[in-house]
Amino acid sequence: MSSNDEVIILGHGSGGALTNRLIKDVFQDAFENPILDELLDAAVLDIDGGKLAFTTDSFVVDPIFFPGGDIGKIAVCGTVNDLAVSGAEPLYLSAGFIIEEGLLISDLKKIVQSMRSAAQAAGVYVVTGDTKVVGRGNADKIFINTAGIGVIPAGRRLSPRYMQPGDVVIVSGTMGDHGLTILAQREGLSFSTPVESDCTPLNRITKAILDAGGDSVRCMRDPTRGGLATTLNELAVQSGKGILINEERIPLRREVVWACEMLGLDPLYLANEGKVIAVVAPDAADCVLDAMRSLPEGEGSVAIGQVIAEEEGLVLLETELGATRVLGMLEGEPLPRIC
């Protein structure tokens, strides 16, 4: 290897700037086509006059069991959610397992039963799969790959390309809960009020958003790796618009804020596994918020900002002090293997 050769580092899996450059320079360059180039959470496929959403994901979370979930639950929810925020009704999943020699079968059963429960909660079926076993030291307990298929109703179109100045940016609840839960488990941190992952299927709340907002819903995303800040940056770049958010409106648990202050982290870059961002036209924002708040998973929904014509491709944060600064995309990898 020459001194000019680059190598993969953990930051390439962060979901942030390094991930985006890797996708653009390696994968998108190799596989370029109109469907892939949309860079949505799920590919939208035209099939015999109808539309299907198709997505895939891999899960390497460490630890494999954590408060609020496990690698099995997050594998199902993560794939269901990518379909749901694309406007699809999730239907079928595949599940591929790479298992390290030495994993307890009792732990594998717990993981599979957790997947079954999550699939039932989301109303989907695991219909096919694969299993491979590797030697000790050649993996870390278990990795899971999933793929999912869903149906997009006729006439439904969601994309950051449809975002317009004045559109309202809504989040469904507190940010950073999953990321802090994983960090606390790894580092043995404890809090006076227990913190647990927000891992949950989102297809019920995305349906409520679409039923309430109809064509006024521009797009939706689930802010997983890279957190709220990185996901908003992706929306700004893909829409060619600016986004202005108010720091005081962003819902955060006190425990998350305190822990981040202690550890030198920014909660806006911590992962979520059960929250949705919705961008909707201003005249539909109140109806969408009411619909979201009617569900347990959306009780904490709040509008945090708006789309602006200025500062194309940038996210601006209006701070508690009244100043405005650019909120960039995640750089590096502060917390690897969170999903």
C-alpha atoms as a PDB file:
ATOM      1  CA  MET A   1       0.000   0.000   0.000  1.00  0.00           C
ATOM      2  CA  SER A   2       1.456   3.363  -0.998  1.00  0.00           C
ATOM      3  CA  SER A   3       1.502   6.378   1.288  1.00  0.00           C
ATOM      4  CA  ASN A   4      -1.241   7.938  -0.852  1.00  0.00           C
ATOM      5  CA  ASP A   5      -3.702   5.066  -0.385  1.00  0.00           C
ATOM      6  CA  GLU A   6      -6.712   5.840   1.796  1.00  0.00           C
ATOM      7  CA  VAL A   7      -8.177   3.212   4.116  1.00  0.00           C
ATOM      8  CA  ILE A   8     -11.595   2.677   5.656  1.00  0.00           C
ATOM      9  CA  ILE A   9     -11.930   4.035   9.181  1.00  0.00           C
ATOM     10  CA  LEU A  10     -14.814   3.851  11.663  1.00  0.00           C
ATOM     11  CA  GLY A  11     -15.907   7.331  10.638  1.00  0.00           C
ATOM     12  CA  HIS A  12     -16.912   5.977   7.233  1.00  0.00           C
ATOM     13  CA  GLY A  13     -19.782   4.209   9.010  1.00  0.00           C
ATOM     14  CA  SER A  14     -20.985   7.241  10.961  1.00  0.00           C
ATOM     15  CA  GLY A  15     -23.701   8.327   8.562  1.00  0.00           C
ATOM     16  CA  GLY A  16     -22.001  11.731   8.397  1.00  0.00           C
ATOM     17  CA  ALA A  17     -19.713  13.533   5.984  1.00  0.00           C
ATOM     18  CA  LEU A  18     -17.292  10.609   5.575  1.00  0.00           C
ATOM     19  CA  THR A  19     -20.145   8.206   4.832  1.00  0.00           C
ATOM     20  CA  ASN A  20     -21.603  10.580   2.269  1.00  0.00           C
ATOM     21  CA  ARG A  21     -18.242  10.981   0.527  1.00  0.00           C
ATOM     22  CA  LEU A  22     -17.757   7.190   0.494  1.00  0.00           C
ATOM     23  CA  ILE A  23     -21.197   6.684  -1.045  1.00  0.00           C
ATOM     24  CA  LYS A  24     -20.581   9.340  -3.683  1.00  0.00           C
ATOM     25  CA  ASP A  25     -16.984   8.454  -4.595  1.00  0.00           C
ATOM     26  CA  VAL A  26     -17.213   4.654  -4.464  1.00  0.00           C
ATOM     27  CA  PHE A  27     -20.734   3.248  -4.584  1.00  0.00           C
ATOM     28  CA  GLN A  28     -22.712   5.901  -6.434  1.00  0.00           C
ATOM     29  CA  ASP A  29     -19.914   6.273  -8.961  1.00  0.00           C
ATOM     30  CA  ALA A  30     -19.941   2.513  -9.636  1.00  0.00           C
ATOM     31  CA  PHE A  31     -23.700   1.858  -9.586  1.00  0.00           C
ATOM     32  CA  GLU A  32     -25.016   5.160 -10.936  1.00  0.00           C
ATOM     33  CA  ASN A  33     -28.616   4.994 -12.160  1.00  0.00           C
ATOM     34  CA  PRO A  34     -31.702   7.237 -11.851  1.00  0.00           C
ATOM     35  CA  ILE A  35     -33.233   5.210  -8.998  1.00  0.00           C
ATOM     36  CA  LEU A  36     -30.081   5.082  -6.875  1.00  0.00           C
ATOM     37  CA  ASP A  37     -29.275   8.726  -7.553  1.00  0.00           C
ATOM     38  CA  GLU A  38     -32.387   9.824  -5.653  1.00  0.00           C
ATOM     39  CA  LEU A  39     -30.540   8.732  -2.467  1.00  0.00           C
ATOM     40  CA  LEU A  40     -33.750   8.119  -0.536  1.00  0.00           C
ATOM     41  CA  ASP A  41     -34.105   5.799   2.467  1.00  0.00           C
ATOM     42  CA  ALA A  42     -35.749   3.285   0.127  1.00  0.00           C
ATOM     43  CA  ALA A  43     -35.594   2.889  -3.638  1.00  0.00           C
ATOM     44  CA  VAL A  44     -38.903   3.666  -5.359  1.00  0.00           C
ATOM     45  CA  LEU A  45     -39.571   1.139  -8.131  1.00  0.00           C
ATOM     46  CA  ASP A  46     -42.218   1.347 -10.878  1.00  0.00           C
ATOM     47  CA  ILE A  47     -43.741  -2.119 -11.292  1.00  0.00           C
ATOM     48  CA  ASP A  48     -46.592  -2.697 -13.761  1.00  0.00           C
ATOM     49  CA  GLY A  49     -48.126   0.703 -13.145  1.00  0.00           C
ATOM     50  CA  GLY A  50     -47.708   0.542  -9.368  1.00  0.00           C
ATOM     51  CA  LYS A  51     -44.889   1.576  -7.063  1.00  0.00           C
ATOM     52  CA  LEU A  52     -42.848  -0.497  -4.642  1.00  0.00           C
ATOM     53  CA  ALA A  53     -40.356   0.691  -2.041  1.00  0.00           C
ATOM     54  CA  PHE A  54     -37.283  -1.493  -1.549  1.00  0.00           C
ATOM     55  CA  THR A  55     -34.582  -1.055   1.078  1.00  0.00           C
ATOM     56  CA  THR A  56     -31.768  -2.944   2.777  1.00  0.00           C
ATOM     57  CA  ASP A  57     -29.746  -2.406   5.946  1.00  0.00           C
ATOM     58  CA  SER A  58     -27.132  -4.141   8.082  1.00  0.00           C
ATOM     59  CA  PHE A  59     -26.907  -4.065  11.874  1.00  0.00           C
ATOM     60  CA  VAL A  60     -23.736  -4.405  13.916  1.00  0.00           C
ATOM     61  CA  VAL A  61     -24.815  -2.680  17.151  1.00  0.00           C
ATOM     62  CA  ASP A  62     -22.651  -3.214  20.231  1.00  0.00           C
ATOM     63  CA  PRO A  63     -23.857  -4.310  22.767  1.00  0.00           C
ATOM     64  CA  ILE A  64     -26.395  -6.652  21.183  1.00  0.00           C
ATOM     65  CA  PHE A  65     -28.777  -6.224  24.152  1.00  0.00           C
ATOM     66  CA  PHE A  66     -29.553  -2.766  25.548  1.00  0.00           C
ATOM     67  CA  PRO A  67     -32.350  -0.987  27.458  1.00  0.00           C
ATOM     68  CA  GLY A  68     -35.293  -0.602  25.116  1.00  0.00           C
ATOM     69  CA  GLY A  69     -34.241  -3.210  22.580  1.00  0.00           C
ATOM     70  CA  ASP A  70     -31.638  -5.476  21.058  1.00  0.00           C
ATOM     71  CA  ILE A  71     -30.014  -6.101  17.692  1.00  0.00           C
ATOM     72  CA  GLY A  72     -33.057  -8.078  16.535  1.00  0.00           C
ATOM     73  CA  LYS A  73     -35.598  -5.387  17.344  1.00  0.00           C
ATOM     74  CA  ILE A  74     -33.485  -2.645  15.787  1.00  0.00           C
ATOM     75  CA  ALA A  75     -32.992  -4.735  12.630  1.00  0.00           C
ATOM     76  CA  VAL A  76     -36.743  -5.011  12.062  1.00  0.00           C
ATOM     77  CA  CYS A  77     -37.595  -1.460  13.132  1.00  0.00           C
ATOM     78  CA  GLY A  78     -34.780   0.105  11.137  1.00  0.00           C
ATOM     79  CA  THR A  79     -35.898  -1.543   7.906  1.00  0.00           C
ATOM     80  CA  VAL A  80     -39.604  -0.925   8.500  1.00  0.00           C
ATOM     81  CA  ASN A  81     -38.846   2.720   9.230  1.00  0.00           C
ATOM     82  CA  ASP A  82     -36.867   3.254   6.025  1.00  0.00           C
ATOM     83  CA  LEU A  83     -39.882   1.995   4.101  1.00  0.00           C
ATOM     84  CA  ALA A  84     -42.363   3.993   6.165  1.00  0.00           C
ATOM     85  CA  VAL A  85     -40.642   7.376   5.768  1.00  0.00           C
ATOM     86  CA  SER A  86     -40.582   6.741   2.017  1.00  0.00           C
ATOM     87  CA  GLY A  87     -44.373   6.752   2.062  1.00  0.00           C
ATOM     88  CA  ALA A  88     -44.757   2.994   1.725  1.00  0.00           C
ATOM     89  CA  GLU A  89     -46.858   0.472   3.606  1.00  0.00           C
ATOM     90  CA  PRO A  90     -44.192  -2.027   4.791  1.00  0.00           C
ATOM     91  CA  LEU A  91     -45.107  -5.632   3.998  1.00  0.00           C
ATOM     92  CA  TYR A  92     -42.247  -8.126   3.835  1.00  0.00           C
ATOM     93  CA  LEU A  93     -38.722  -8.460   5.220  1.00  0.00           C
ATOM     94  CA  SER A  94     -35.757 -10.747   4.717  1.00  0.00           C
ATOM     95  CA  ALA A  95     -33.263 -11.531   7.485  1.00  0.00           C
ATOM     96  CA  GLY A  96     -29.673 -12.665   7.017  1.00  0.00           C
ATOM     97  CA  PHE A  97     -27.575 -13.687  10.036  1.00  0.00           C
ATOM     98  CA  ILE A  98     -23.784 -13.793  10.323  1.00  0.00           C
ATOM     99  CA  ILE A  99     -23.138 -15.557  13.625  1.00  0.00           C
ATOM    100  CA  GLU A 100     -19.810 -15.905  15.406  1.00  0.00           C
ATOM    101  CA  GLU A 101     -18.935 -19.334  16.735  1.00  0.00           C
ATOM    102  CA  GLY A 102     -19.576 -19.365  20.485  1.00  0.00           C
ATOM    103  CA  LEU A 103     -22.771 -17.282  20.556  1.00  0.00           C
ATOM    104  CA  LEU A 104     -25.227 -18.785  23.012  1.00  0.00           C
ATOM    105  CA  ILE A 105     -28.220 -20.345  21.279  1.00  0.00           C
ATOM    106  CA  SER A 106     -30.341 -18.947  24.095  1.00  0.00           C
ATOM    107  CA  ASP A 107     -29.192 -15.433  23.093  1.00  0.00           C
ATOM    108  CA  LEU A 108     -29.950 -16.161  19.447  1.00  0.00           C
ATOM    109  CA  LYS A 109     -33.453 -17.284  20.428  1.00  0.00           C
ATOM    110  CA  LYS A 110     -33.990 -14.042  22.381  1.00  0.00           C
ATOM    111  CA  ILE A 111     -32.918 -12.010  19.358  1.00  0.00           C
ATOM    112  CA  VAL A 112     -35.159 -13.928  16.965  1.00  0.00           C
ATOM    113  CA  GLN A 113     -38.146 -13.701  19.310  1.00  0.00           C
ATOM    114  CA  SER A 114     -37.529  -9.964  19.592  1.00  0.00           C
ATOM    115  CA  MET A 115     -37.577  -9.732  15.799  1.00  0.00           C
ATOM    116  CA  ARG A 116     -40.847 -11.658  15.764  1.00  0.00           C
ATOM    117  CA  SER A 117     -42.431  -9.267  18.278  1.00  0.00           C
ATOM    118  CA  ALA A 118     -41.221  -6.185  16.392  1.00  0.00           C
ATOM    119  CA  ALA A 119     -42.501  -7.595  13.101  1.00  0.00           C
ATOM    120  CA  GLN A 120     -45.905  -8.293  14.641  1.00  0.00           C
ATOM    121  CA  ALA A 121     -46.041  -4.764  16.063  1.00  0.00           C
ATOM    122  CA  ALA A 122     -45.276  -3.337  12.627  1.00  0.00           C
ATOM    123  CA  GLY A 123     -47.627  -5.695  10.789  1.00  0.00           C
ATOM    124  CA  VAL A 124     -44.924  -7.181   8.558  1.00  0.00           C
ATOM    125  CA  TYR A 125     -43.705 -10.710   7.831  1.00  0.00           C
ATOM    126  CA  VAL A 126     -40.169 -12.077   7.681  1.00  0.00           C
ATOM    127  CA  VAL A 127     -40.527 -14.254   4.588  1.00  0.00           C
ATOM    128  CA  THR A 128     -36.989 -15.328   3.672  1.00  0.00           C
ATOM    129  CA  GLY A 129     -33.491 -15.352   5.093  1.00  0.00           C
ATOM    130  CA  ASP A 130     -30.012 -16.804   5.309  1.00  0.00           C
ATOM    131  CA  THR A 131     -27.617 -17.964   8.034  1.00  0.00           C
ATOM    132  CA  LYS A 132     -23.821 -18.098   8.016  1.00  0.00           C
ATOM    133  CA  VAL A 133     -21.468 -19.022  10.883  1.00  0.00           C
ATOM    134  CA  VAL A 134     -17.880 -17.751  11.087  1.00  0.00           C
ATOM    135  CA  GLY A 135     -15.072 -18.771  13.414  1.00  0.00           C
ATOM    136  CA  ARG A 136     -14.309 -17.192  16.762  1.00  0.00           C
ATOM    137  CA  GLY A 137     -12.756 -13.770  16.337  1.00  0.00           C
ATOM    138  CA  ASN A 138     -14.014 -13.338  12.771  1.00  0.00           C
ATOM    139  CA  ALA A 139     -17.128 -11.370  13.784  1.00  0.00           C
ATOM    140  CA  ASP A 140     -18.530  -9.902  17.005  1.00  0.00           C
ATOM    141  CA  LYS A 141     -21.277 -12.223  18.276  1.00  0.00           C
ATOM    142  CA  ILE A 142     -23.861 -11.559  15.555  1.00  0.00           C
ATOM    143  CA  PHE A 143     -24.480  -9.265  12.597  1.00  0.00           C
ATOM    144  CA  ILE A 144     -27.895  -9.034  10.893  1.00  0.00           C
ATOM    145  CA  ASN A 145     -28.743  -7.893   7.380  1.00  0.00           C
ATOM    146  CA  THR A 146     -32.335  -7.134   6.440  1.00  0.00           C
ATOM    147  CA  ALA A 147     -34.176  -6.063   3.310  1.00  0.00           C
ATOM    148  CA  GLY A 148     -37.740  -4.839   3.063  1.00  0.00           C
ATOM    149  CA  ILE A 149     -40.476  -4.330   0.497  1.00  0.00           C
ATOM    150  CA  GLY A 150     -43.518  -2.094   0.773  1.00  0.00           C
ATOM    151  CA  VAL A 151     -46.274  -0.713  -1.446  1.00  0.00           C
ATOM    152  CA  ILE A 152     -46.578   2.999  -2.201  1.00  0.00           C
ATOM    153  CA  PRO A 153     -50.191   4.088  -2.830  1.00  0.00           C
ATOM    154  CA  ALA A 154     -50.992   5.558  -6.230  1.00  0.00           C
ATOM    155  CA  GLY A 155     -50.311   9.276  -6.489  1.00  0.00           C
ATOM    156  CA  ARG A 156     -48.082   9.498  -3.408  1.00  0.00           C
ATOM    157  CA  ARG A 157     -44.805  11.320  -4.017  1.00  0.00           C
ATOM    158  CA  LEU A 158     -42.322  12.176  -1.299  1.00  0.00           C
ATOM    159  CA  SER A 159     -38.913  13.722  -1.902  1.00  0.00           C
ATOM    160  CA  PRO A 160     -36.747  16.556  -0.573  1.00  0.00           C
ATOM    161  CA  ARG A 161     -37.021  17.942  -4.120  1.00  0.00           C
ATOM    162  CA  TYR A 162     -40.574  19.060  -3.243  1.00  0.00           C
ATOM    163  CA  MET A 163     -39.531  21.176  -0.249  1.00  0.00           C
ATOM    164  CA  GLN A 164     -40.491  24.852  -0.535  1.00  0.00           C
ATOM    165  CA  PRO A 165     -39.557  27.996   1.432  1.00  0.00           C
ATOM    166  CA  GLY A 166     -41.936  28.356   4.365  1.00  0.00           C
ATOM    167  CA  ASP A 167     -42.436  24.606   4.824  1.00  0.00           C
ATOM    168  CA  VAL A 168     -42.438  23.528   8.470  1.00  0.00           C
ATOM    169  CA  VAL A 169     -39.925  21.057   9.904  1.00  0.00           C
ATOM    170  CA  ILE A 170     -41.449  18.759  12.556  1.00  0.00           C
ATOM    171  CA  VAL A 171     -39.843  16.116  14.783  1.00  0.00           C
ATOM    172  CA  SER A 172     -41.789  13.441  16.645  1.00  0.00           C
ATOM    173  CA  GLY A 173     -39.998  13.611  19.991  1.00  0.00           C
ATOM    174  CA  THR A 174     -36.772  13.807  21.950  1.00  0.00           C
ATOM    175  CA  MET A 175     -33.488  13.501  20.105  1.00  0.00           C
ATOM    176  CA  GLY A 176     -30.468  11.350  20.931  1.00  0.00           C
ATOM    177  CA  ASP A 177     -32.056   8.772  23.242  1.00  0.00           C
ATOM    178  CA  HIS A 178     -30.774   5.725  21.354  1.00  0.00           C
ATOM    179  CA  GLY A 179     -27.233   7.010  20.952  1.00  0.00           C
ATOM    180  CA  LEU A 180     -26.899   7.873  24.633  1.00  0.00           C
ATOM    181  CA  THR A 181     -28.356   4.502  25.674  1.00  0.00           C
ATOM    182  CA  ILE A 182     -25.720   2.619  23.667  1.00  0.00           C
ATOM    183  CA  LEU A 183     -22.957   4.865  25.004  1.00  0.00           C
ATOM    184  CA  ALA A 184     -24.120   4.407  28.601  1.00  0.00           C
ATOM    185  CA  GLN A 185     -24.185   0.620  28.217  1.00  0.00           C
ATOM    186  CA  ARG A 186     -20.668   0.525  26.820  1.00  0.00           C
ATOM    187  CA  GLU A 187     -19.166   2.881  29.374  1.00  0.00           C
ATOM    188  CA  GLY A 188     -21.119   1.720  32.423  1.00  0.00           C
ATOM    189  CA  LEU A 189     -22.792   5.102  32.917  1.00  0.00           C
ATOM    190  CA  SER A 190     -25.916   5.403  35.056  1.00  0.00           C
ATOM    191  CA  PHE A 191     -28.415   8.216  35.494  1.00  0.00           C
ATOM    192  CA  SER A 192     -30.920   9.136  38.187  1.00  0.00           C
ATOM    193  CA  THR A 193     -33.645   8.682  35.577  1.00  0.00           C
ATOM    194  CA  PRO A 194     -33.009   5.596  33.413  1.00  0.00           C
ATOM    195  CA  VAL A 195     -32.468   6.278  29.710  1.00  0.00           C
ATOM    196  CA  GLU A 196     -33.477   3.720  27.111  1.00  0.00           C
ATOM    197  CA  SER A 197     -33.487   3.441  23.336  1.00  0.00           C
ATOM    198  CA  ASP A 198     -36.446   4.867  21.443  1.00  0.00           C
ATOM    199  CA  CYS A 199     -36.335   1.897  19.046  1.00  0.00           C
ATOM    200  CA  THR A 200     -39.838   1.394  17.633  1.00  0.00           C
ATOM    201  CA  PRO A 201     -41.572   0.924  14.259  1.00  0.00           C
ATOM    202  CA  LEU A 202     -42.681   4.201  12.715  1.00  0.00           C
ATOM    203  CA  ASN A 203     -45.208   3.024  10.133  1.00  0.00           C
ATOM    204  CA  ARG A 204     -48.195   3.914  12.314  1.00  0.00           C
ATOM    205  CA  ILE A 205     -47.070   7.516  12.836  1.00  0.00           C
ATOM    206  CA  THR A 206     -46.011   7.993   9.209  1.00  0.00           C
ATOM    207  CA  LYS A 207     -49.476   6.828   8.148  1.00  0.00           C
ATOM    208  CA  ALA A 208     -51.008   9.378  10.527  1.00  0.00           C
ATOM    209  CA  ILE A 209     -48.810  12.116   9.047  1.00  0.00           C
ATOM    210  CA  LEU A 210     -49.804  11.227   5.493  1.00  0.00           C
ATOM    211  CA  ASP A 211     -53.496  10.822   6.318  1.00  0.00           C
ATOM    212  CA  ALA A 212     -53.539  14.256   7.967  1.00  0.00           C
ATOM    213  CA  GLY A 213     -51.287  16.100   5.543  1.00  0.00           C
ATOM    214  CA  GLY A 214     -51.922  14.405   2.198  1.00  0.00           C
ATOM    215  CA  ASP A 215     -50.071  16.092  -0.650  1.00  0.00           C
ATOM    216  CA  SER A 216     -48.860  18.789   1.750  1.00  0.00           C
ATOM    217  CA  VAL A 217     -46.313  16.345   3.182  1.00  0.00           C
ATOM    218  CA  ARG A 218     -43.119  17.018   1.223  1.00  0.00           C
ATOM    219  CA  CYS A 219     -40.864  14.328   2.686  1.00  0.00           C
ATOM    220  CA  MET A 220     -40.045  12.327   5.820  1.00  0.00           C
ATOM    221  CA  ARG A 221     -36.835  10.903   7.245  1.00  0.00           C
ATOM    222  CA  ASP A 222     -35.796   8.932  10.327  1.00  0.00           C
ATOM    223  CA  PRO A 223     -32.714  10.597  11.864  1.00  0.00           C
ATOM    224  CA  THR A 224     -30.589   7.545  12.668  1.00  0.00           C
ATOM    225  CA  ARG A 225     -26.788   7.613  12.224  1.00  0.00           C
ATOM    226  CA  GLY A 226     -25.523  11.180  12.428  1.00  0.00           C
ATOM    227  CA  GLY A 227     -28.638  12.282  14.284  1.00  0.00           C
ATOM    228  CA  LEU A 228     -30.906  15.245  13.649  1.00  0.00           C
ATOM    229  CA  ALA A 229     -28.169  17.579  12.398  1.00  0.00           C
ATOM    230  CA  THR A 230     -26.815  15.238   9.735  1.00  0.00           C
ATOM    231  CA  THR A 231     -30.272  14.247   8.478  1.00  0.00           C
ATOM    232  CA  LEU A 232     -31.311  17.894   8.131  1.00  0.00           C
ATOM    233  CA  ASN A 233     -28.107  18.581   6.195  1.00  0.00           C
ATOM    234  CA  GLU A 234     -28.952  15.757   3.804  1.00  0.00           C
ATOM    235  CA  LEU A 235     -32.421  17.250   3.264  1.00  0.00           C
ATOM    236  CA  ALA A 236     -30.951  20.706   2.666  1.00  0.00           C
ATOM    237  CA  VAL A 237     -28.469  19.429   0.092  1.00  0.00           C
ATOM    238  CA  GLN A 238     -31.005  17.252  -1.731  1.00  0.00           C
ATOM    239  CA  SER A 239     -33.642  20.007  -1.803  1.00  0.00           C
ATOM    240  CA  GLY A 240     -31.289  22.845  -2.728  1.00  0.00           C
ATOM    241  CA  LYS A 241     -32.930  24.909   0.025  1.00  0.00           C
ATOM    242  CA  GLY A 242     -31.819  26.194   3.409  1.00  0.00           C
ATOM    243  CA  ILE A 243     -33.239  25.031   6.734  1.00  0.00           C
ATOM    244  CA  LEU A 244     -33.495  27.247   9.812  1.00  0.00           C
ATOM    245  CA  ILE A 245     -34.189  25.565  13.164  1.00  0.00           C
ATOM    246  CA  ASN A 246     -34.630  27.011  16.639  1.00  0.00           C
ATOM    247  CA  GLU A 247     -32.415  25.499  19.339  1.00  0.00           C
ATOM    248  CA  GLU A 248     -34.953  26.121  22.107  1.00  0.00           C
ATOM    249  CA  ARG A 249     -37.640  24.129  20.277  1.00  0.00           C
ATOM    250  CA  ILE A 250     -35.598  20.945  19.840  1.00  0.00           C
ATOM    251  CA  PRO A 251     -36.902  18.358  22.344  1.00  0.00           C
ATOM    252  CA  LEU A 252     -34.098  16.836  24.445  1.00  0.00           C
ATOM    253  CA  ARG A 253     -34.169  14.839  27.674  1.00  0.00           C
ATOM    254  CA  ARG A 254     -32.256  16.447  30.534  1.00  0.00           C
ATOM    255  CA  GLU A 255     -30.250  13.257  30.986  1.00  0.00           C
ATOM    256  CA  VAL A 256     -29.126  13.384  27.363  1.00  0.00           C
ATOM    257  CA  VAL A 257     -28.100  17.038  27.647  1.00  0.00           C
ATOM    258  CA  TRP A 258     -26.208  16.497  30.913  1.00  0.00           C
ATOM    259  CA  ALA A 259     -24.391  13.429  29.653  1.00  0.00           C
ATOM    260  CA  CYS A 260     -23.393  15.157  26.428  1.00  0.00           C
ATOM    261  CA  GLU A 261     -22.068  18.162  28.347  1.00  0.00           C
ATOM    262  CA  MET A 262     -20.014  15.838  30.543  1.00  0.00           C
ATOM    263  CA  LEU A 263     -18.669  13.804  27.613  1.00  0.00           C
ATOM    264  CA  GLY A 264     -18.140  16.660  25.171  1.00  0.00           C
ATOM    265  CA  LEU A 265     -20.775  15.426  22.702  1.00  0.00           C
ATOM    266  CA  ASP A 266     -23.528  17.254  20.839  1.00  0.00           C
ATOM    267  CA  PRO A 267     -26.949  15.573  21.240  1.00  0.00           C
ATOM    268  CA  LEU A 268     -28.000  16.796  17.797  1.00  0.00           C
ATOM    269  CA  TYR A 269     -25.554  14.275  16.292  1.00  0.00           C
ATOM    270  CA  LEU A 270     -26.646  11.292  18.404  1.00  0.00           C
ATOM    271  CA  ALA A 271     -28.621   8.526  16.714  1.00  0.00           C
ATOM    272  CA  ASN A 272     -32.351   7.921  17.046  1.00  0.00           C
ATOM    273  CA  GLU A 273     -34.201   4.699  16.191  1.00  0.00           C
ATOM    274  CA  GLY A 274     -37.816   5.667  16.761  1.00  0.00           C
ATOM    275  CA  LYS A 275     -38.237   9.272  15.628  1.00  0.00           C
ATOM    276  CA  VAL A 276     -39.362  10.845  12.380  1.00  0.00           C
ATOM    277  CA  ILE A 277     -38.691  14.198  10.747  1.00  0.00           C
ATOM    278  CA  ALA A 278     -41.547  15.480   8.589  1.00  0.00           C
ATOM    279  CA  VAL A 279     -41.406  18.488   6.269  1.00  0.00           C
ATOM    280  CA  VAL A 280     -44.898  19.771   5.520  1.00  0.00           C
ATOM    281  CA  ALA A 281     -46.543  22.789   3.929  1.00  0.00           C
ATOM    282  CA  PRO A 282     -47.375  25.506   6.498  1.00  0.00           C
ATOM    283  CA  ASP A 283     -51.148  25.247   6.045  1.00  0.00           C
ATOM    284  CA  ALA A 284     -51.050  21.556   7.032  1.00  0.00           C
ATOM    285  CA  ALA A 285     -48.614  21.783   9.942  1.00  0.00           C
ATOM    286  CA  ASP A 286     -51.194  22.047  12.725  1.00  0.00           C
ATOM    287  CA  CYS A 287     -53.243  19.104  11.440  1.00  0.00           C
ATOM    288  CA  VAL A 288     -50.128  16.963  11.079  1.00  0.00           C
ATOM    289  CA  LEU A 289     -48.939  17.864  14.571  1.00  0.00           C
ATOM    290  CA  ASP A 290     -52.329  16.976  16.060  1.00  0.00           C
ATOM    291  CA  ALA A 291     -52.276  13.610  14.280  1.00  0.00           C
ATOM    292  CA  MET A 292     -48.755  12.859  15.470  1.00  0.00           C
ATOM    293  CA  ARG A 293     -49.487  13.844  19.074  1.00  0.00           C
ATOM    294  CA  SER A 294     -52.517  11.537  19.151  1.00  0.00           C
ATOM    295  CA  LEU A 295     -50.165   8.520  19.140  1.00  0.00           C
ATOM    296  CA  PRO A 296     -47.902   7.407  22.011  1.00  0.00           C
ATOM    297  CA  GLU A 297     -44.849   7.463  19.739  1.00  0.00           C
ATOM    298  CA  GLY A 298     -45.627  11.045  18.731  1.00  0.00           C
ATOM    299  CA  GLU A 299     -46.747  12.660  21.995  1.00  0.00           C
ATOM    300  CA  GLY A 300     -43.657  14.877  22.031  1.00  0.00           C
ATOM    301  CA  SER A 301     -43.994  16.106  18.450  1.00  0.00           C
ATOM    302  CA  VAL A 302     -43.031  19.728  17.861  1.00  0.00           C
ATOM    303  CA  ALA A 303     -42.238  22.103  15.009  1.00  0.00           C
ATOM    304  CA  ILE A 304     -38.580  23.093  15.257  1.00  0.00           C
ATOM    305  CA  GLY A 305     -38.047  25.285  12.209  1.00  0.00           C
ATOM    306  CA  GLN A 306     -38.721  25.979   8.575  1.00  0.00           C
ATOM    307  CA  VAL A 307     -37.361  25.744   5.073  1.00  0.00           C
ATOM    308  CA  ILE A 308     -35.830  28.975   3.759  1.00  0.00           C
ATOM    309  CA  ALA A 309     -34.868  30.155   0.277  1.00  0.00           C
ATOM    310  CA  GLU A 310     -31.545  31.549   1.446  1.00  0.00           C
ATOM    311  CA  GLU A 311     -28.386  29.604   2.374  1.00  0.00           C
ATOM    312  CA  GLU A 312     -28.999  26.841  -0.149  1.00  0.00           C
ATOM    313  CA  GLY A 313     -27.833  23.440   1.073  1.00  0.00           C
ATOM    314  CA  LEU A 314     -27.117  24.670   4.610  1.00  0.00           C
ATOM    315  CA  VAL A 315     -28.750  24.170   8.006  1.00  0.00           C
ATOM    316  CA  LEU A 316     -28.793  27.174  10.316  1.00  0.00           C
ATOM    317  CA  LEU A 317     -29.324  26.954  14.073  1.00  0.00           C
ATOM    318  CA  GLU A 318     -30.831  29.912  15.900  1.00  0.00           C
ATOM    319  CA  THR A 319     -29.292  29.618  19.375  1.00  0.00           C
ATOM    320  CA  GLU A 320     -30.801  30.362  22.749  1.00  0.00           C
ATOM    321  CA  LEU A 321     -28.755  33.597  22.791  1.00  0.00           C
ATOM    322  CA  GLY A 322     -30.325  34.798  19.557  1.00  0.00           C
ATOM    323  CA  ALA A 323     -27.275  34.195  17.388  1.00  0.00           C
ATOM    324  CA  THR A 324     -27.354  32.075  14.235  1.00  0.00           C
ATOM    325  CA  ARG A 325     -24.688  29.572  13.249  1.00  0.00           C
ATOM    326  CA  VAL A 326     -24.241  26.910  10.613  1.00  0.00           C
ATOM    327  CA  LEU A 327     -25.078  23.408  11.860  1.00  0.00           C
ATOM    328  CA  GLY A 328     -22.861  21.163   9.779  1.00  0.00           C
ATOM    329  CA  MET A 329     -22.895  17.473   8.962  1.00  0.00           C
ATOM    330  CA  LEU A 330     -21.281  15.006  11.374  1.00  0.00           C
ATOM    331  CA  GLU A 331     -17.511  14.727  10.944  1.00  0.00           C
ATOM    332  CA  GLY A 332     -15.711  11.624  12.209  1.00  0.00           C
ATOM    333  CA  GLU A 333     -17.260   8.948  14.374  1.00  0.00           C
ATOM    334  CA  PRO A 334     -17.906   9.859  18.017  1.00  0.00           C
ATOM    335  CA  LEU A 335     -19.865   6.658  18.671  1.00  0.00           C
ATOM    336  CA  PRO A 336     -19.344   3.696  16.325  1.00  0.00           C
ATOM    337  CA  ARG A 337     -21.699   0.715  15.960  1.00  0.00           C
ATOM    338  CA  ILE A 338     -24.879   2.309  17.260  1.00  0.00           C
ATOM    339  CA  CYS A 339     -27.138   0.343  14.881  1.00  0.00           C
END
